[in-house]
PDB file of N, CA and C in Angstrom:
ATOM      1  N   MET A   1     -19.346  92.293 105.322  1.00  0.00           N
ATOM      2  CA  MET A   1     -18.489  91.205 105.753  1.00  0.00           C
ATOM      3  C   MET A   1     -17.119  91.786 106.122  1.00  0.00           C
ATOM      4  N   PHE A   2     -16.448  91.104 107.061  1.00  0.00           N
ATOM      5  CA  PHE A   2     -15.083  91.497 107.402  1.00  0.00           C
ATOM      6  C   PHE A   2     -14.309  90.258 107.824  1.00  0.00           C
ATOM      7  N   ALA A   3     -13.021  90.429 108.105  1.00  0.00           N
ATOM      8  CA  ALA A   3     -12.136  89.313 108.453  1.00  0.00           C
ATOM      9  C   ALA A   3     -12.117  88.286 107.316  1.00  0.00           C
ATOM     10  N   SER A   4     -11.785  88.759 106.141  1.00  0.00           N
ATOM     11  CA  SER A   4     -11.717  87.912 104.941  1.00  0.00           C
ATOM     12  C   SER A   4     -13.037  87.219 104.644  1.00  0.00           C
ATOM     13  N   GLY A   5     -14.129  87.905 104.911  1.00  0.00           N
ATOM     14  CA  GLY A   5     -15.445  87.359 104.608  1.00  0.00           C
ATOM     15  C   GLY A   5     -15.943  86.344 105.615  1.00  0.00           C
ATOM     16  N   SER A   6     -15.307  86.289 106.779  1.00  0.00           N
ATOM     17  CA  SER A   6     -15.692  85.298 107.792  1.00  0.00           C
ATOM     18  C   SER A   6     -16.901  85.715 108.616  1.00  0.00           C
ATOM     19  N   PHE A   7     -17.109  87.003 108.783  1.00  0.00           N
ATOM     20  CA  PHE A   7     -18.161  87.488 109.669  1.00  0.00           C
ATOM     21  C   PHE A   7     -18.970  88.596 109.013  1.00  0.00           C
ATOM     22  N   LYS A   8     -20.253  88.596 109.290  1.00  0.00           N
ATOM     23  CA  LYS A   8     -21.124  89.674 108.836  1.00  0.00           C
ATOM     24  C   LYS A   8     -20.774  90.927 109.630  1.00  0.00           C
ATOM     25  N   LEU A   9     -20.676  92.050 108.929  1.00  0.00           N
ATOM     26  CA  LEU A   9     -20.334  93.301 109.582  1.00  0.00           C
ATOM     27  C   LEU A   9     -21.558  93.842 110.304  1.00  0.00           C
ATOM     28  N   ASN A  10     -21.552  93.658 111.603  1.00  0.00           N
ATOM     29  CA  ASN A  10     -22.576  94.259 112.456  1.00  0.00           C
ATOM     30  C   ASN A  10     -21.907  94.647 113.770  1.00  0.00           C
ATOM     31  N   ARG A  11     -22.605  95.400 114.578  1.00  0.00           N
ATOM     32  CA  ARG A  11     -22.026  95.943 115.811  1.00  0.00           C
ATOM     33  C   ARG A  11     -21.552  94.845 116.749  1.00  0.00           C
ATOM     34  N   ALA A  12     -22.356  93.824 116.967  1.00  0.00           N
ATOM     35  CA  ALA A  12     -22.001  92.758 117.913  1.00  0.00           C
ATOM     36  C   ALA A  12     -20.741  92.024 117.474  1.00  0.00           C
ATOM     37  N   ASN A  13     -20.663  91.642 116.203  1.00  0.00           N
ATOM     38  CA  ASN A  13     -19.482  90.944 115.707  1.00  0.00           C
ATOM     39  C   ASN A  13     -18.236  91.829 115.770  1.00  0.00           C
ATOM     40  N   LEU A  14     -18.400  93.100 115.436  1.00  0.00           N
ATOM     41  CA  LEU A  14     -17.258  94.007 115.442  1.00  0.00           C
ATOM     42  C   LEU A  14     -16.738  94.217 116.864  1.00  0.00           C
ATOM     43  N   ILE A  15     -17.620  94.338 117.821  1.00  0.00           N
ATOM     44  CA  ILE A  15     -17.204  94.483 119.226  1.00  0.00           C
ATOM     45  C   ILE A  15     -16.439  93.244 119.668  1.00  0.00           C
ATOM     46  N   ASP A  16     -16.960  92.073 119.368  1.00  0.00           N
ATOM     47  CA  ASP A  16     -16.270  90.832 119.734  1.00  0.00           C
ATOM     48  C   ASP A  16     -14.897  90.762 119.085  1.00  0.00           C
ATOM     49  N   TRP A  17     -14.804  91.170 117.824  1.00  0.00           N
ATOM     50  CA  TRP A  17     -13.538  91.146 117.094  1.00  0.00           C
ATOM     51  C   TRP A  17     -12.531  92.106 117.720  1.00  0.00           C
ATOM     52  N   ILE A  18     -12.972  93.304 118.048  1.00  0.00           N
ATOM     53  CA  ILE A  18     -12.083  94.297 118.657  1.00  0.00           C
ATOM     54  C   ILE A  18     -11.544  93.775 119.986  1.00  0.00           C
ATOM     55  N   LEU A  19     -12.394  93.143 120.759  1.00  0.00           N
ATOM     56  CA  LEU A  19     -11.972  92.644 122.066  1.00  0.00           C
ATOM     57  C   LEU A  19     -11.026  91.455 121.981  1.00  0.00           C
ATOM     58  N   ASN A  20     -11.302  90.524 121.081  1.00  0.00           N
ATOM     59  CA  ASN A  20     -10.507  89.296 121.060  1.00  0.00           C
ATOM     60  C   ASN A  20     -10.562  88.636 119.686  1.00  0.00           C
ATOM     61  N   ALA A  21      -9.902  89.251 118.720  1.00  0.00           N
ATOM     62  CA  ALA A  21      -9.902  88.706 117.361  1.00  0.00           C
ATOM     63  C   ALA A  21      -9.387  87.269 117.290  1.00  0.00           C
ATOM     64  N   PRO A  22      -8.289  86.915 117.961  1.00  0.00           N
ATOM     65  CA  PRO A  22      -7.811  85.532 117.863  1.00  0.00           C
ATOM     66  C   PRO A  22      -8.828  84.505 118.354  1.00  0.00           C
ATOM     67  N   GLY A  23      -9.650  84.883 119.310  1.00  0.00           N
ATOM     68  CA  GLY A  23     -10.650  83.962 119.841  1.00  0.00           C
ATOM     69  C   GLY A  23     -11.781  83.680 118.871  1.00  0.00           C
ATOM     70  N   MET A  24     -11.911  84.489 117.830  1.00  0.00           N
ATOM     71  CA  MET A  24     -12.985  84.301 116.862  1.00  0.00           C
ATOM     72  C   MET A  24     -12.544  83.480 115.653  1.00  0.00           C
ATOM     73  N   ILE A  25     -11.274  83.163 115.556  1.00  0.00           N
ATOM     74  CA  ILE A  25     -10.764  82.437 114.406  1.00  0.00           C
ATOM     75  C   ILE A  25     -10.520  80.993 114.816  1.00  0.00           C
ATOM     76  N   PRO A  26     -11.388  80.079 114.410  1.00  0.00           N
ATOM     77  CA  PRO A  26     -11.266  78.701 114.873  1.00  0.00           C
ATOM     78  C   PRO A  26      -9.970  78.019 114.494  1.00  0.00           C
ATOM     79  N   MET A  27      -9.361  78.401 113.383  1.00  0.00           N
ATOM     80  CA  MET A  27      -8.138  77.733 112.952  1.00  0.00           C
ATOM     81  C   MET A  27      -6.885  78.463 113.433  1.00  0.00           C
ATOM     82  N   GLN A  28      -7.055  79.538 114.183  1.00  0.00           N
ATOM     83  CA  GLN A  28      -5.903  80.308 114.649  1.00  0.00           C
ATOM     84  C   GLN A  28      -5.059  79.477 115.597  1.00  0.00           C
ATOM     85  N   SER A  29      -3.785  79.626 115.518  1.00  0.00           N
ATOM     86  CA  SER A  29      -2.856  78.911 116.381  1.00  0.00           C
ATOM     87  C   SER A  29      -3.093  79.267 117.843  1.00  0.00           C
ATOM     88  N   GLU A  30      -3.017  78.272 118.705  1.00  0.00           N
ATOM     89  CA  GLU A  30      -3.120  78.513 120.144  1.00  0.00           C
ATOM     90  C   GLU A  30      -1.999  79.434 120.613  1.00  0.00           C
ATOM     91  N   ASP A  31      -0.879  79.471 119.882  1.00  0.00           N
ATOM     92  CA  ASP A  31       0.230  80.334 120.267  1.00  0.00           C
ATOM     93  C   ASP A  31      -0.167  81.804 120.267  1.00  0.00           C
ATOM     94  N   CYS A  32      -1.151  82.178 119.465  1.00  0.00           N
ATOM     95  CA  CYS A  32      -1.582  83.579 119.418  1.00  0.00           C
ATOM     96  C   CYS A  32      -2.305  83.981 120.692  1.00  0.00           C
ATOM     97  N   ARG A  33      -2.694  83.024 121.476  1.00  0.00           N
ATOM     98  CA  ARG A  33      -3.380  83.334 122.725  1.00  0.00           C
ATOM     99  C   ARG A  33      -2.414  83.371 123.904  1.00  0.00           C
ATOM    100  N   LEU A  34      -1.140  83.121 123.631  1.00  0.00           N
ATOM    101  CA  LEU A  34      -0.125  83.149 124.670  1.00  0.00           C
ATOM    102  C   LEU A  34       0.373  84.575 124.859  1.00  0.00           C
ATOM    103  N   PRO A  35       0.877  84.892 126.055  1.00  0.00           N
ATOM    104  CA  PRO A  35       1.417  86.241 126.260  1.00  0.00           C
ATOM    105  C   PRO A  35       2.670  86.468 125.417  1.00  0.00           C
ATOM    106  N   PRO A  36       3.022  87.730 125.189  1.00  0.00           N
ATOM    107  CA  PRO A  36       4.241  88.014 124.434  1.00  0.00           C
ATOM    108  C   PRO A  36       5.423  87.310 125.091  1.00  0.00           C
ATOM    109  N   PRO A  37       6.366  86.835 124.326  1.00  0.00           N
ATOM    110  CA  PRO A  37       6.648  87.121 122.926  1.00  0.00           C
ATOM    111  C   PRO A  37       6.094  86.078 121.968  1.00  0.00           C
ATOM    112  N   ALA A  38       4.868  85.643 122.126  1.00  0.00           N
ATOM    113  CA  ALA A  38       4.268  84.691 121.189  1.00  0.00           C
ATOM    114  C   ALA A  38       4.414  85.240 119.774  1.00  0.00           C
ATOM    115  N   THR A  39       4.651  84.362 118.853  1.00  0.00           N
ATOM    116  CA  THR A  39       4.876  84.800 117.479  1.00  0.00           C
ATOM    117  C   THR A  39       3.699  84.400 116.608  1.00  0.00           C
ATOM    118  N   CYS A  40       2.782  85.282 116.459  1.00  0.00           N
ATOM    119  CA  CYS A  40       1.667  85.052 115.552  1.00  0.00           C
ATOM    120  C   CYS A  40       1.431  86.338 114.776  1.00  0.00           C
ATOM    121  N   VAL A  41       0.775  86.205 113.669  1.00  0.00           N
ATOM    122  CA  VAL A  41       0.503  87.349 112.820  1.00  0.00           C
ATOM    123  C   VAL A  41      -0.971  87.671 112.928  1.00  0.00           C
ATOM    124  N   GLY A  42      -1.289  88.927 112.993  1.00  0.00           N
ATOM    125  CA  GLY A  42      -2.680  89.329 113.044  1.00  0.00           C
ATOM    126  C   GLY A  42      -2.966  90.197 114.255  1.00  0.00           C
ATOM    127  N   MET A  43      -4.220  90.483 114.427  1.00  0.00           N
ATOM    128  CA  MET A  43      -4.641  91.351 115.505  1.00  0.00           C
ATOM    129  C   MET A  43      -4.530  90.627 116.845  1.00  0.00           C
ATOM    130  N   PRO A  44      -3.968  91.268 117.844  1.00  0.00           N
ATOM    131  CA  PRO A  44      -3.855  90.624 119.155  1.00  0.00           C
ATOM    132  C   PRO A  44      -5.170  90.692 119.919  1.00  0.00           C
ATOM    133  N   SER A  45      -5.239  89.949 120.988  1.00  0.00           N
ATOM    134  CA  SER A  45      -6.366  90.058 121.909  1.00  0.00           C
ATOM    135  C   SER A  45      -6.086  91.223 122.841  1.00  0.00           C
ATOM    136  N   PHE A  46      -7.075  92.062 123.058  1.00  0.00           N
ATOM    137  CA  PHE A  46      -6.916  93.182 123.974  1.00  0.00           C
ATOM    138  C   PHE A  46      -7.546  92.898 125.331  1.00  0.00           C
ATOM    139  N   THR A  47      -8.062  91.670 125.503  1.00  0.00           N
ATOM    140  CA  THR A  47      -8.676  91.317 126.779  1.00  0.00           C
ATOM    141  C   THR A  47      -7.987  90.146 127.449  1.00  0.00           C
ATOM    142  N   GLU A  48      -7.110  89.460 126.722  1.00  0.00           N
ATOM    143  CA  GLU A  48      -6.410  88.309 127.280  1.00  0.00           C
ATOM    144  C   GLU A  48      -4.925  88.426 127.011  1.00  0.00           C
ATOM    145  N   ASN A  49      -4.149  88.037 127.985  1.00  0.00           N
ATOM    146  CA  ASN A  49      -2.690  87.957 127.829  1.00  0.00           C
ATOM    147  C   ASN A  49      -2.043  89.263 127.390  1.00  0.00           C
ATOM    148  N   THR A  50      -2.485  90.372 127.955  1.00  0.00           N
ATOM    149  CA  THR A  50      -1.816  91.624 127.658  1.00  0.00           C
ATOM    150  C   THR A  50      -0.480  91.639 128.405  1.00  0.00           C
ATOM    151  N   PRO A  51       0.501  92.361 127.886  1.00  0.00           N
ATOM    152  CA  PRO A  51       1.786  92.418 128.590  1.00  0.00           C
ATOM    153  C   PRO A  51       1.599  92.923 130.015  1.00  0.00           C
ATOM    154  N   LYS A  52       2.404  92.434 130.903  1.00  0.00           N
ATOM    155  CA  LYS A  52       2.284  92.794 132.323  1.00  0.00           C
ATOM    156  C   LYS A  52       2.282  94.306 132.501  1.00  0.00           C
ATOM    157  N   GLY A  53       1.339  94.764 133.260  1.00  0.00           N
ATOM    158  CA  GLY A  53       1.238  96.186 133.534  1.00  0.00           C
ATOM    159  C   GLY A  53       0.313  96.941 132.600  1.00  0.00           C
ATOM    160  N   TYR A  54      -0.075  96.329 131.488  1.00  0.00           N
ATOM    161  CA  TYR A  54      -0.983  96.997 130.560  1.00  0.00           C
ATOM    162  C   TYR A  54      -2.420  96.622 130.892  1.00  0.00           C
ATOM    163  N   PRO A  55      -3.293  97.608 130.928  1.00  0.00           N
ATOM    164  CA  PRO A  55      -4.693  97.289 131.236  1.00  0.00           C
ATOM    165  C   PRO A  55      -5.374  96.596 130.057  1.00  0.00           C
ATOM    166  N   VAL A  56      -6.403  95.857 130.365  1.00  0.00           N
ATOM    167  CA  VAL A  56      -7.191  95.235 129.304  1.00  0.00           C
ATOM    168  C   VAL A  56      -8.216  96.242 128.805  1.00  0.00           C
ATOM    169  N   MET A  57      -8.699  96.032 127.598  1.00  0.00           N
ATOM    170  CA  MET A  57      -9.727  96.897 127.037  1.00  0.00           C
ATOM    171  C   MET A  57     -11.070  96.529 127.647  1.00  0.00           C
ATOM    172  N   THR A  58     -11.847  97.518 127.977  1.00  0.00           N
ATOM    173  CA  THR A  58     -13.182  97.257 128.508  1.00  0.00           C
ATOM    174  C   THR A  58     -14.174  97.100 127.360  1.00  0.00           C
ATOM    175  N   ARG A  59     -15.281  96.485 127.654  1.00  0.00           N
ATOM    176  CA  ARG A  59     -16.327  96.335 126.639  1.00  0.00           C
ATOM    177  C   ARG A  59     -16.813  97.714 126.185  1.00  0.00           C
ATOM    178  N   GLN A  60     -16.927  98.651 127.118  1.00  0.00           N
ATOM    179  CA  GLN A  60     -17.379  99.999 126.760  1.00  0.00           C
ATOM    180  C   GLN A  60     -16.408 100.657 125.773  1.00  0.00           C
ATOM    181  N   GLN A  61     -15.107 100.477 125.958  1.00  0.00           N
ATOM    182  CA  GLN A  61     -14.133 101.031 125.021  1.00  0.00           C
ATOM    183  C   GLN A  61     -14.281 100.382 123.642  1.00  0.00           C
ATOM    184  N   ALA A  62     -14.495  99.082 123.625  1.00  0.00           N
ATOM    185  CA  ALA A  62     -14.690  98.377 122.349  1.00  0.00           C
ATOM    186  C   ALA A  62     -15.960  98.859 121.657  1.00  0.00           C
ATOM    187  N   GLU A  63     -17.006  99.114 122.421  1.00  0.00           N
ATOM    188  CA  GLU A  63     -18.255  99.622 121.843  1.00  0.00           C
ATOM    189  C   GLU A  63     -18.042 100.995 121.204  1.00  0.00           C
ATOM    190  N   ILE A  64     -17.278 101.845 121.860  1.00  0.00           N
ATOM    191  CA  ILE A  64     -16.985 103.174 121.313  1.00  0.00           C
ATOM    192  C   ILE A  64     -16.221 103.047 119.995  1.00  0.00           C
ATOM    193  N   LEU A  65     -15.217 102.168 119.973  1.00  0.00           N
ATOM    194  CA  LEU A  65     -14.458 101.953 118.737  1.00  0.00           C
ATOM    195  C   LEU A  65     -15.336 101.390 117.627  1.00  0.00           C
ATOM    196  N   ALA A  66     -16.166 100.415 117.968  1.00  0.00           N
ATOM    197  CA  ALA A  66     -17.050  99.810 116.964  1.00  0.00           C
ATOM    198  C   ALA A  66     -18.013 100.849 116.400  1.00  0.00           C
ATOM    199  N   ASP A  67     -18.598 101.655 117.268  1.00  0.00           N
ATOM    200  CA  ASP A  67     -19.521 102.690 116.796  1.00  0.00           C
ATOM    201  C   ASP A  67     -18.822 103.658 115.851  1.00  0.00           C
ATOM    202  N   TYR A  68     -17.589 104.021 116.195  1.00  0.00           N
ATOM    203  CA  TYR A  68     -16.829 104.925 115.318  1.00  0.00           C
ATOM    204  C   TYR A  68     -16.565 104.257 113.974  1.00  0.00           C
ATOM    205  N   LEU A  69     -16.077 103.040 113.984  1.00  0.00           N
ATOM    206  CA  LEU A  69     -15.768 102.346 112.733  1.00  0.00           C
ATOM    207  C   LEU A  69     -17.007 102.166 111.877  1.00  0.00           C
ATOM    208  N   LEU A  70     -18.117 101.834 112.497  1.00  0.00           N
ATOM    209  CA  LEU A  70     -19.359 101.659 111.732  1.00  0.00           C
ATOM    210  C   LEU A  70     -19.869 102.980 111.160  1.00  0.00           C
ATOM    211  N   SER A  71     -19.525 104.082 111.803  1.00  0.00           N
ATOM    212  CA  SER A  71     -19.955 105.390 111.287  1.00  0.00           C
ATOM    213  C   SER A  71     -19.204 105.766 110.015  1.00  0.00           C
ATOM    214  N   LEU A  72     -18.090 105.108 109.737  1.00  0.00           N
ATOM    215  CA  LEU A  72     -17.271 105.418 108.562  1.00  0.00           C
ATOM    216  C   LEU A  72     -17.750 104.760 107.293  1.00  0.00           C
ATOM    217  N   LYS A  73     -18.609 103.739 107.409  1.00  0.00           N
ATOM    218  CA  LYS A  73     -18.994 103.004 106.203  1.00  0.00           C
ATOM    219  C   LYS A  73     -20.039 103.718 105.403  1.00  0.00           C
TER     220      LYS A  73
END
C-alpha cells in the first residue's frame, strides 16, 4: 500500500501516481490542479499545469521511475 494506505502498491498504480498524484486523490483541492503559484501541499502533477517552458513527463519516463522504485522493495 502507498499514499497513506489509499492504493495497492503495484506498477499500474505507481505509474499513475508518478504522472498525476493530485488527480488520484478524490478529496484533493482543485487548487492543486492549477498552474503555479497554486498553494497546495503534496506531490505535483508532472503531466498537467507544468510551469511554462517545462516539458511534461512522458508515460515511458514514469514507467522507468516506477520500475526503479519497485526494484527497491
